Amino acid sequence: MAEAQKLDVRPRQVVGKKVAQLRRDGVLPGVVFGGRKDSASVQTDLRAFERSYRRWGNTTLLSLEGLDGDAIPALIHGVARDTLTGRLLHVDFQRVSLTEKTHAEVPLRFVHESPAVKTLGAVLVHARDHVNVEAFPQDIPHAIDVDLSPLVEIDDALYIRDLVVDKTMVSVVDDPDELVVKAVPVHIEEEPVVAAAVPVEGEVPAEGEEAPAEGAAPAAAGAAAPGAAAGKPGAAAAAKPGAPAAKPGAPAPKTGAPAGKPGAPAPKGESPKKG
């Protein structure tokens, strides 16, 4: 039987949006409900509760002191945190009776090492991180240990029925056949390698492809290589811009008229030059 942990609380008068000022002053607002009584607004020291909550969790029996009358046995039903900073914003306490069983979520704590992981390279798939139990508030365990050493081979698994609890005090209400943890092999997906298509001599074209026409001339061997049409470096002279290019194979133009033979008659209408 666990001993109740004492927590100092005070009645809270500030409600609504004004509770933001309480938080700035280091005060955590909360509510006490259940136990066939009306809900009551309370407050407690934020820093002191934060330190204790890390040890308690939601399954530790508390004794709320500082309210009117005797101490109130309670469990932490839940807390609210700021989604950005994680700072505590609110806490809900649930009244419980030490003579009546109640339901609670108990976290699972995985201990020891799985041989399947150590020797076979398996990985563990955790299907559950808590279970639901029924027990007297003072008998609720803080956590339930899950021994991983029985996971020896690939596909070995542990189920709710395999959890070790004191069944005289605690009853697990979840389905006994529900999976808790399993050792599975590691699957490495490799991208398929597509081989480049290599043409095969005499290959028949696929359906829908056109076969080459019978008698078609093969491609001319020795097709002009890149840059073949360009003149070789160091050519004698480049053509003037805008000048028409000479036709390939045409005879070069004469650079001057041939000289007449000595003694040849002058052309008609011209007098022969005297020597």
C-alpha atoms as a PDB file:
ATOM      1  CA  MET A   1       0.000   0.000   0.000  1.00  0.00           C
ATOM      2  CA  ALA A   2       1.459   3.319  -1.101  1.00  0.00           C
ATOM      3  CA  GLU A   3       1.537   6.208   1.337  1.00  0.00           C
ATOM      4  CA  ALA A   4      -0.335   9.298   0.230  1.00  0.00           C
ATOM      5  CA  GLN A   5       1.829  12.257  -0.757  1.00  0.00           C
ATOM      6  CA  LYS A   6       0.848  15.549   0.884  1.00  0.00           C
ATOM      7  CA  LEU A   7       0.158  18.578  -1.301  1.00  0.00           C
ATOM      8  CA  ASP A   8      -0.721  22.023   0.011  1.00  0.00           C
ATOM      9  CA  VAL A   9      -3.632  23.643  -1.828  1.00  0.00           C
ATOM     10  CA  ARG A  10      -5.787  26.715  -1.201  1.00  0.00           C
ATOM     11  CA  PRO A  11      -9.283  27.728  -2.305  1.00  0.00           C
ATOM     12  CA  ARG A  12      -9.133  29.878  -5.444  1.00  0.00           C
ATOM     13  CA  GLN A  13     -11.284  32.976  -5.892  1.00  0.00           C
ATOM     14  CA  VAL A  14      -9.785  34.180  -9.164  1.00  0.00           C
ATOM     15  CA  VAL A  15     -11.456  32.630 -12.221  1.00  0.00           C
ATOM     16  CA  GLY A  16     -11.664  33.233 -15.963  1.00  0.00           C
ATOM     17  CA  LYS A  17      -9.008  35.164 -17.827  1.00  0.00           C
ATOM     18  CA  LYS A  18      -7.657  36.660 -14.621  1.00  0.00           C
ATOM     19  CA  VAL A  19      -5.916  33.360 -13.778  1.00  0.00           C
ATOM     20  CA  ALA A  20      -3.154  34.386 -16.208  1.00  0.00           C
ATOM     21  CA  GLN A  21      -1.942  36.808 -13.538  1.00  0.00           C
ATOM     22  CA  LEU A  22      -1.817  33.929 -11.032  1.00  0.00           C
ATOM     23  CA  ARG A  23       0.530  32.001 -13.308  1.00  0.00           C
ATOM     24  CA  ARG A  24       2.774  35.024 -13.688  1.00  0.00           C
ATOM     25  CA  ASP A  25       2.907  35.154  -9.876  1.00  0.00           C
ATOM     26  CA  GLY A  26       4.005  31.485  -9.687  1.00  0.00           C
ATOM     27  CA  VAL A  27       0.589  30.073  -8.777  1.00  0.00           C
ATOM     28  CA  LEU A  28      -0.943  27.054 -10.567  1.00  0.00           C
ATOM     29  CA  PRO A  29      -4.755  27.058 -10.862  1.00  0.00           C
ATOM     30  CA  GLY A  30      -6.654  23.810 -10.539  1.00  0.00           C
ATOM     31  CA  VAL A  31      -9.952  22.079  -9.873  1.00  0.00           C
ATOM     32  CA  VAL A  32     -11.006  19.287  -7.504  1.00  0.00           C
ATOM     33  CA  PHE A  33     -13.941  17.183  -8.749  1.00  0.00           C
ATOM     34  CA  GLY A  34     -15.648  13.825  -8.291  1.00  0.00           C
ATOM     35  CA  GLY A  35     -16.501  11.912  -5.140  1.00  0.00           C
ATOM     36  CA  ARG A  36     -20.180  12.788  -5.406  1.00  0.00           C
ATOM     37  CA  LYS A  37     -19.414  16.387  -4.454  1.00  0.00           C
ATOM     38  CA  ASP A  38     -19.380  19.690  -6.275  1.00  0.00           C
ATOM     39  CA  SER A  39     -16.252  20.834  -8.049  1.00  0.00           C
ATOM     40  CA  ALA A  40     -14.032  23.285  -6.201  1.00  0.00           C
ATOM     41  CA  SER A  41     -11.546  25.784  -7.625  1.00  0.00           C
ATOM     42  CA  VAL A  42      -8.115  25.515  -5.997  1.00  0.00           C
ATOM     43  CA  GLN A  43      -4.567  26.758  -6.438  1.00  0.00           C
ATOM     44  CA  THR A  44      -1.104  25.554  -5.451  1.00  0.00           C
ATOM     45  CA  ASP A  45       2.507  26.615  -5.777  1.00  0.00           C
ATOM     46  CA  LEU A  46       3.569  26.105  -9.404  1.00  0.00           C
ATOM     47  CA  ARG A  47       7.260  25.332  -8.835  1.00  0.00           C
ATOM     48  CA  ALA A  48       6.655  22.931  -5.957  1.00  0.00           C
ATOM     49  CA  PHE A  49       4.008  21.036  -7.895  1.00  0.00           C
ATOM     50  CA  GLU A  50       6.201  20.833 -11.018  1.00  0.00           C
ATOM     51  CA  ARG A  51       9.047  19.210  -9.090  1.00  0.00           C
ATOM     52  CA  SER A  52       6.764  16.716  -7.343  1.00  0.00           C
ATOM     53  CA  TYR A  53       4.738  15.845 -10.450  1.00  0.00           C
ATOM     54  CA  ARG A  54       7.855  14.578 -12.201  1.00  0.00           C
ATOM     55  CA  ARG A  55       8.075  11.878  -9.531  1.00  0.00           C
ATOM     56  CA  TRP A  56       4.410  11.232  -8.992  1.00  0.00           C
ATOM     57  CA  GLY A  57       2.879  11.005 -12.428  1.00  0.00           C
ATOM     58  CA  ASN A  58      -0.877  10.484 -12.530  1.00  0.00           C
ATOM     59  CA  THR A  59      -1.014   7.321 -10.410  1.00  0.00           C
ATOM     60  CA  THR A  60       0.320   8.511  -7.042  1.00  0.00           C
ATOM     61  CA  LEU A  61      -2.232   8.903  -4.287  1.00  0.00           C
ATOM     62  CA  LEU A  62      -2.251  12.482  -2.960  1.00  0.00           C
ATOM     63  CA  SER A  63      -3.542  14.027   0.204  1.00  0.00           C
ATOM     64  CA  LEU A  64      -4.801  17.536  -0.549  1.00  0.00           C
ATOM     65  CA  GLU A  65      -4.385  19.698   2.544  1.00  0.00           C
ATOM     66  CA  GLY A  66      -5.341  23.273   3.242  1.00  0.00           C
ATOM     67  CA  LEU A  67      -9.001  23.167   2.253  1.00  0.00           C
ATOM     68  CA  ASP A  68     -11.908  23.321   4.675  1.00  0.00           C
ATOM     69  CA  GLY A  69     -12.242  20.126   6.683  1.00  0.00           C
ATOM     70  CA  ASP A  70     -10.027  17.047   6.559  1.00  0.00           C
ATOM     71  CA  ALA A  71      -7.407  16.195   3.951  1.00  0.00           C
ATOM     72  CA  ILE A  72      -8.855  15.008   0.649  1.00  0.00           C
ATOM     73  CA  PRO A  73      -7.511  11.811  -0.971  1.00  0.00           C
ATOM     74  CA  ALA A  74      -7.134  12.443  -4.703  1.00  0.00           C
ATOM     75  CA  LEU A  75      -5.391  11.420  -7.897  1.00  0.00           C
ATOM     76  CA  ILE A  76      -4.076  13.733 -10.597  1.00  0.00           C
ATOM     77  CA  HIS A  77      -6.590  13.296 -13.392  1.00  0.00           C
ATOM     78  CA  GLY A  78      -4.658  15.426 -15.869  1.00  0.00           C
ATOM     79  CA  VAL A  79      -2.597  18.544 -16.447  1.00  0.00           C
ATOM     80  CA  ALA A  80      -2.662  21.188 -19.194  1.00  0.00           C
ATOM     81  CA  ARG A  81       0.533  22.682 -20.632  1.00  0.00           C
ATOM     82  CA  ASP A  82       1.383  25.486 -22.994  1.00  0.00           C
ATOM     83  CA  THR A  83       1.914  23.911 -26.410  1.00  0.00           C
ATOM     84  CA  LEU A  84       4.910  26.132 -27.185  1.00  0.00           C
ATOM     85  CA  THR A  85       6.748  26.446 -23.878  1.00  0.00           C
ATOM     86  CA  GLY A  86       5.534  23.306 -22.063  1.00  0.00           C
ATOM     87  CA  ARG A  87       4.775  25.378 -18.949  1.00  0.00           C
ATOM     88  CA  LEU A  88       2.051  24.044 -16.662  1.00  0.00           C
ATOM     89  CA  LEU A  89      -1.241  25.910 -17.046  1.00  0.00           C
ATOM     90  CA  HIS A  90      -3.801  23.906 -15.055  1.00  0.00           C
ATOM     91  CA  VAL A  91      -4.256  20.730 -13.009  1.00  0.00           C
ATOM     92  CA  ASP A  92      -7.316  18.578 -12.362  1.00  0.00           C
ATOM     93  CA  PHE A  93      -7.574  16.559  -9.132  1.00  0.00           C
ATOM     94  CA  GLN A  94     -10.054  13.695  -8.833  1.00  0.00           C
ATOM     95  CA  ARG A  95     -11.435  12.818  -5.398  1.00  0.00           C
ATOM     96  CA  VAL A  96     -11.208   9.119  -4.596  1.00  0.00           C
ATOM     97  CA  SER A  97     -12.341   6.831  -1.807  1.00  0.00           C
ATOM     98  CA  LEU A  98      -9.858   4.559  -0.101  1.00  0.00           C
ATOM     99  CA  THR A  99     -12.561   1.927   0.211  1.00  0.00           C
ATOM    100  CA  GLU A 100     -13.658   1.897  -3.429  1.00  0.00           C
ATOM    101  CA  LYS A 101     -11.749   0.676  -6.465  1.00  0.00           C
ATOM    102  CA  THR A 102     -11.086   3.138  -9.252  1.00  0.00           C
ATOM    103  CA  HIS A 103      -9.715   3.070 -12.785  1.00  0.00           C
ATOM    104  CA  ALA A 104      -6.406   4.630 -13.806  1.00  0.00           C
ATOM    105  CA  GLU A 105      -3.896   4.649 -16.656  1.00  0.00           C
ATOM    106  CA  VAL A 106      -0.585   3.154 -15.574  1.00  0.00           C
ATOM    107  CA  PRO A 107       2.512   3.764 -17.743  1.00  0.00           C
ATOM    108  CA  LEU A 108       4.648   0.852 -18.970  1.00  0.00           C
ATOM    109  CA  ARG A 109       8.371   0.874 -18.243  1.00  0.00           C
ATOM    110  CA  PHE A 110      10.446  -1.298 -20.599  1.00  0.00           C
ATOM    111  CA  VAL A 111      13.436  -2.887 -18.886  1.00  0.00           C
ATOM    112  CA  HIS A 112      16.364  -5.152 -19.846  1.00  0.00           C
ATOM    113  CA  GLU A 113      17.493  -5.866 -23.410  1.00  0.00           C
ATOM    114  CA  SER A 114      15.969  -8.066 -26.068  1.00  0.00           C
ATOM    115  CA  PRO A 115      18.361 -10.759 -27.426  1.00  0.00           C
ATOM    116  CA  ALA A 116      16.649 -10.426 -30.804  1.00  0.00           C
ATOM    117  CA  VAL A 117      17.782  -6.819 -30.940  1.00  0.00           C
ATOM    118  CA  LYS A 118      21.273  -7.513 -29.634  1.00  0.00           C
ATOM    119  CA  THR A 119      22.162 -10.574 -31.735  1.00  0.00           C
ATOM    120  CA  LEU A 120      19.804 -10.538 -34.739  1.00  0.00           C
ATOM    121  CA  GLY A 121      19.566  -6.804 -35.410  1.00  0.00           C
ATOM    122  CA  ALA A 122      15.805  -6.675 -34.884  1.00  0.00           C
ATOM    123  CA  VAL A 123      13.916  -3.540 -33.941  1.00  0.00           C
ATOM    124  CA  LEU A 124      11.152  -3.259 -31.349  1.00  0.00           C
ATOM    125  CA  VAL A 125       7.689  -2.035 -32.261  1.00  0.00           C
ATOM    126  CA  HIS A 126       5.890  -0.640 -29.201  1.00  0.00           C
ATOM    127  CA  ALA A 127       2.132  -0.911 -29.565  1.00  0.00           C
ATOM    128  CA  ARG A 128       1.296   0.351 -26.057  1.00  0.00           C
ATOM    129  CA  ASP A 129       2.921   2.724 -23.585  1.00  0.00           C
ATOM    130  CA  HIS A 130       0.301   2.372 -20.835  1.00  0.00           C
ATOM    131  CA  VAL A 131      -2.490   0.070 -19.650  1.00  0.00           C
ATOM    132  CA  ASN A 132      -5.760   0.639 -17.854  1.00  0.00           C
ATOM    133  CA  VAL A 133      -6.103  -0.919 -14.418  1.00  0.00           C
ATOM    134  CA  GLU A 134      -8.661  -1.223 -11.653  1.00  0.00           C
ATOM    135  CA  ALA A 135      -7.535  -1.084  -8.032  1.00  0.00           C
ATOM    136  CA  PHE A 136      -7.929   0.752  -4.758  1.00  0.00           C
ATOM    137  CA  PRO A 137      -6.307   4.200  -5.045  1.00  0.00           C
ATOM    138  CA  GLN A 138      -3.587   3.292  -2.567  1.00  0.00           C
ATOM    139  CA  ASP A 139      -2.735   0.095  -4.523  1.00  0.00           C
ATOM    140  CA  ILE A 140      -2.299   1.620  -7.975  1.00  0.00           C
ATOM    141  CA  PRO A 141       1.319   1.054  -9.099  1.00  0.00           C
ATOM    142  CA  HIS A 142       3.401   3.996 -10.225  1.00  0.00           C
ATOM    143  CA  ALA A 143       4.442   1.997 -13.344  1.00  0.00           C
ATOM    144  CA  ILE A 144       4.427  -1.588 -14.636  1.00  0.00           C
ATOM    145  CA  ASP A 145       7.755  -3.054 -15.735  1.00  0.00           C
ATOM    146  CA  VAL A 146       7.883  -4.929 -19.058  1.00  0.00           C
ATOM    147  CA  ASP A 147      10.823  -7.376 -19.265  1.00  0.00           C
ATOM    148  CA  LEU A 148      12.159  -7.490 -22.849  1.00  0.00           C
ATOM    149  CA  SER A 149      14.521 -10.445 -22.328  1.00  0.00           C
ATOM    150  CA  PRO A 150      11.961 -13.064 -23.536  1.00  0.00           C
ATOM    151  CA  LEU A 151      12.125 -11.531 -27.042  1.00  0.00           C
ATOM    152  CA  VAL A 152      14.785 -13.922 -28.361  1.00  0.00           C
ATOM    153  CA  GLU A 153      13.788 -14.508 -31.992  1.00  0.00           C
ATOM    154  CA  ILE A 154      12.407 -12.396 -34.812  1.00  0.00           C
ATOM    155  CA  ASP A 155       8.605 -11.977 -34.476  1.00  0.00           C
ATOM    156  CA  ASP A 156       8.628 -12.775 -30.738  1.00  0.00           C
ATOM    157  CA  ALA A 157       6.067 -10.595 -28.986  1.00  0.00           C
ATOM    158  CA  LEU A 158       4.611  -9.703 -25.591  1.00  0.00           C
ATOM    159  CA  TYR A 159       0.905  -9.175 -24.979  1.00  0.00           C
ATOM    160  CA  ILE A 160      -1.221  -7.725 -22.202  1.00  0.00           C
ATOM    161  CA  ARG A 161      -1.571 -11.203 -20.725  1.00  0.00           C
ATOM    162  CA  ASP A 162       2.224 -11.385 -20.328  1.00  0.00           C
ATOM    163  CA  LEU A 163       2.460  -8.377 -17.993  1.00  0.00           C
ATOM    164  CA  VAL A 164       3.525  -9.180 -14.456  1.00  0.00           C
ATOM    165  CA  VAL A 165       1.297  -7.503 -11.842  1.00  0.00           C
ATOM    166  CA  ASP A 166       0.059  -8.404  -8.388  1.00  0.00           C
ATOM    167  CA  LYS A 167      -3.341  -9.739  -9.413  1.00  0.00           C
ATOM    168  CA  THR A 168      -4.527  -9.768  -5.828  1.00  0.00           C
ATOM    169  CA  MET A 169      -4.352  -5.979  -5.804  1.00  0.00           C
ATOM    170  CA  VAL A 170      -4.381  -4.821  -9.438  1.00  0.00           C
ATOM    171  CA  SER A 171      -6.530  -5.938 -12.348  1.00  0.00           C
ATOM    172  CA  VAL A 172      -5.621  -4.979 -15.926  1.00  0.00           C
ATOM    173  CA  VAL A 173      -8.883  -4.257 -17.758  1.00  0.00           C
ATOM    174  CA  ASP A 174      -7.504  -4.153 -21.328  1.00  0.00           C
ATOM    175  CA  ASP A 175      -7.879  -7.045 -23.805  1.00  0.00           C
ATOM    176  CA  PRO A 176      -5.402  -9.801 -22.782  1.00  0.00           C
ATOM    177  CA  ASP A 177      -4.617 -10.522 -26.443  1.00  0.00           C
ATOM    178  CA  GLU A 178      -3.688  -6.949 -27.263  1.00  0.00           C
ATOM    179  CA  LEU A 179      -0.090  -6.478 -28.448  1.00  0.00           C
ATOM    180  CA  VAL A 180       2.367  -4.583 -26.244  1.00  0.00           C
ATOM    181  CA  VAL A 181       5.732  -4.955 -28.012  1.00  0.00           C
ATOM    182  CA  LYS A 182       7.154  -7.058 -30.862  1.00  0.00           C
ATOM    183  CA  ALA A 183      10.611  -7.760 -32.343  1.00  0.00           C
ATOM    184  CA  VAL A 184      10.570  -7.325 -36.119  1.00  0.00           C
ATOM    185  CA  PRO A 185      13.279  -7.536 -38.794  1.00  0.00           C
ATOM    186  CA  VAL A 186      14.756  -4.455 -40.378  1.00  0.00           C
ATOM    187  CA  HIS A 187      13.556  -3.983 -43.982  1.00  0.00           C
ATOM    188  CA  ILE A 188      15.867  -1.998 -46.260  1.00  0.00           C
ATOM    189  CA  GLU A 189      14.176  -0.962 -49.483  1.00  0.00           C
ATOM    190  CA  GLU A 190      16.532  -0.690 -52.430  1.00  0.00           C
ATOM    191  CA  GLU A 191      15.673   1.343 -55.490  1.00  0.00           C
ATOM    192  CA  PRO A 192      15.423  -0.847 -58.602  1.00  0.00           C
ATOM    193  CA  VAL A 193      18.291  -0.344 -61.062  1.00  0.00           C
ATOM    194  CA  VAL A 194      17.067  -0.026 -64.665  1.00  0.00           C
ATOM    195  CA  ALA A 195      19.644  -1.422 -67.134  1.00  0.00           C
ATOM    196  CA  ALA A 196      20.223   0.565 -70.318  1.00  0.00           C
ATOM    197  CA  ALA A 197      18.759  -1.086 -73.409  1.00  0.00           C
ATOM    198  CA  VAL A 198      21.505  -2.554 -75.632  1.00  0.00           C
ATOM    199  CA  PRO A 199      20.535  -3.257 -79.261  1.00  0.00           C
ATOM    200  CA  VAL A 200      21.152  -6.844 -80.308  1.00  0.00           C
ATOM    201  CA  GLU A 201      22.269  -7.733 -83.810  1.00  0.00           C
ATOM    202  CA  GLY A 202      19.381  -9.129 -85.784  1.00  0.00           C
ATOM    203  CA  GLU A 203      16.888  -8.018 -83.151  1.00  0.00           C
ATOM    204  CA  VAL A 204      13.277  -8.103 -84.299  1.00  0.00           C
ATOM    205  CA  PRO A 205      11.552  -4.737 -83.751  1.00  0.00           C
ATOM    206  CA  ALA A 206       8.895  -4.661 -81.095  1.00  0.00           C
ATOM    207  CA  GLU A 207       5.260  -4.697 -82.023  1.00  0.00           C
ATOM    208  CA  GLY A 208       4.209  -1.265 -83.234  1.00  0.00           C
ATOM    209  CA  GLU A 209       7.707  -0.246 -84.331  1.00  0.00           C
ATOM    210  CA  GLU A 210       8.466   0.226 -88.011  1.00  0.00           C
ATOM    211  CA  ALA A 211      11.131  -1.995 -89.507  1.00  0.00           C
ATOM    212  CA  PRO A 212      13.632  -0.299 -91.865  1.00  0.00           C
ATOM    213  CA  ALA A 213      12.497  -0.310 -95.514  1.00  0.00           C
ATOM    214  CA  GLU A 214      13.968  -3.069 -97.659  1.00  0.00           C
ATOM    215  CA  GLY A 215      16.890  -1.744 -99.664  1.00  0.00           C
ATOM    216  CA  ALA A 216      17.161   1.426 -97.668  1.00  0.00           C
ATOM    217  CA  ALA A 217      20.609   2.856 -97.922  1.00  0.00           C
ATOM    218  CA  PRO A 218      22.624   2.564 -94.761  1.00  0.00           C
ATOM    219  CA  ALA A 219      23.797   5.714 -93.112  1.00  0.00           C
ATOM    220  CA  ALA A 220      26.770   7.183 -94.855  1.00  0.00           C
ATOM    221  CA  ALA A 221      29.957   6.137 -93.153  1.00  0.00           C
ATOM    222  CA  GLY A 222      32.235   8.801 -92.027  1.00  0.00           C
ATOM    223  CA  ALA A 223      29.557  11.461 -91.723  1.00  0.00           C
ATOM    224  CA  ALA A 224      30.949  14.923 -91.427  1.00  0.00           C
ATOM    225  CA  ALA A 225      32.485  15.324 -88.060  1.00  0.00           C
ATOM    226  CA  PRO A 226      31.711  18.404 -86.014  1.00  0.00           C
ATOM    227  CA  GLY A 227      33.687  21.300 -87.303  1.00  0.00           C
ATOM    228  CA  ALA A 228      34.580  19.638 -90.632  1.00  0.00           C
ATOM    229  CA  ALA A 229      32.915  22.399 -92.663  1.00  0.00           C
ATOM    230  CA  ALA A 230      34.944  25.056 -90.932  1.00  0.00           C
ATOM    231  CA  GLY A 231      38.215  26.117 -92.445  1.00  0.00           C
ATOM    232  CA  LYS A 232      41.430  24.799 -90.969  1.00  0.00           C
ATOM    233  CA  PRO A 233      43.287  27.098 -88.620  1.00  0.00           C
ATOM    234  CA  GLY A 234      45.951  29.071 -90.432  1.00  0.00           C
ATOM    235  CA  ALA A 235      44.176  29.143 -93.811  1.00  0.00           C
ATOM    236  CA  ALA A 236      45.822  31.540 -96.311  1.00  0.00           C
ATOM    237  CA  ALA A 237      43.182  34.208 -96.438  1.00  0.00           C
ATOM    238  CA  ALA A 238      39.591  34.551 -95.373  1.00  0.00           C
ATOM    239  CA  ALA A 239      36.947  35.654 -97.807  1.00  0.00           C
ATOM    240  CA  LYS A 240      35.860  39.270 -97.546  1.00  0.00           C
ATOM    241  CA  PRO A 241      32.670  39.760 -95.623  1.00  0.00           C
ATOM    242  CA  GLY A 242      29.753  39.653 -97.968  1.00  0.00           C
ATOM    243  CA  ALA A 243      31.743  38.176-100.890  1.00  0.00           C
ATOM    244  CA  PRO A 244      30.047  35.212-102.580  1.00  0.00           C
ATOM    245  CA  ALA A 245      31.716  31.936-101.789  1.00  0.00           C
ATOM    246  CA  ALA A 246      33.329  30.117-104.690  1.00  0.00           C
ATOM    247  CA  LYS A 247      31.729  26.923-105.837  1.00  0.00           C
ATOM    248  CA  PRO A 248      33.614  23.800-104.844  1.00  0.00           C
ATOM    249  CA  GLY A 249      35.871  22.661-107.713  1.00  0.00           C
ATOM    250  CA  ALA A 250      35.518  25.879-109.771  1.00  0.00           C
ATOM    251  CA  PRO A 251      38.786  27.045-111.442  1.00  0.00           C
ATOM    252  CA  ALA A 252      40.507  29.914-109.748  1.00  0.00           C
ATOM    253  CA  PRO A 253      40.033  33.255-111.549  1.00  0.00           C
ATOM    254  CA  LYS A 254      42.969  34.462-113.718  1.00  0.00           C
ATOM    255  CA  THR A 255      45.003  37.153-112.056  1.00  0.00           C
ATOM    256  CA  GLY A 256      45.849  38.900-115.345  1.00  0.00           C
ATOM    257  CA  ALA A 257      45.509  38.677-119.170  1.00  0.00           C
ATOM    258  CA  PRO A 258      48.161  36.615-120.863  1.00  0.00           C
ATOM    259  CA  ALA A 259      50.917  38.652-122.492  1.00  0.00           C
ATOM    260  CA  GLY A 260      50.959  38.655-126.312  1.00  0.00           C
ATOM    261  CA  LYS A 261      53.645  36.826-128.189  1.00  0.00           C
ATOM    262  CA  PRO A 262      56.518  38.957-129.475  1.00  0.00           C
ATOM    263  CA  GLY A 263      55.876  40.126-133.012  1.00  0.00           C
ATOM    264  CA  ALA A 264      52.233  39.284-132.944  1.00  0.00           C
ATOM    265  CA  PRO A 265      50.034  41.726-134.883  1.00  0.00           C
ATOM    266  CA  ALA A 266      48.326  44.315-132.770  1.00  0.00           C
ATOM    267  CA  PRO A 267      44.629  44.159-132.498  1.00  0.00           C
ATOM    268  CA  LYS A 268      42.671  45.795-135.172  1.00  0.00           C
ATOM    269  CA  GLY A 269      42.347  49.541-134.722  1.00  0.00           C
ATOM    270  CA  GLU A 270      45.444  49.817-132.608  1.00  0.00           C
ATOM    271  CA  SER A 271      48.836  50.956-133.889  1.00  0.00           C
ATOM    272  CA  PRO A 272      51.771  48.894-133.000  1.00  0.00           C
ATOM    273  CA  LYS A 273      53.966  50.492-130.512  1.00  0.00           C
ATOM    274  CA  LYS A 274      57.361  51.340-131.699  1.00  0.00           C
ATOM    275  CA  GLY A 275      60.261  49.941-129.844  1.00  0.00           C
END
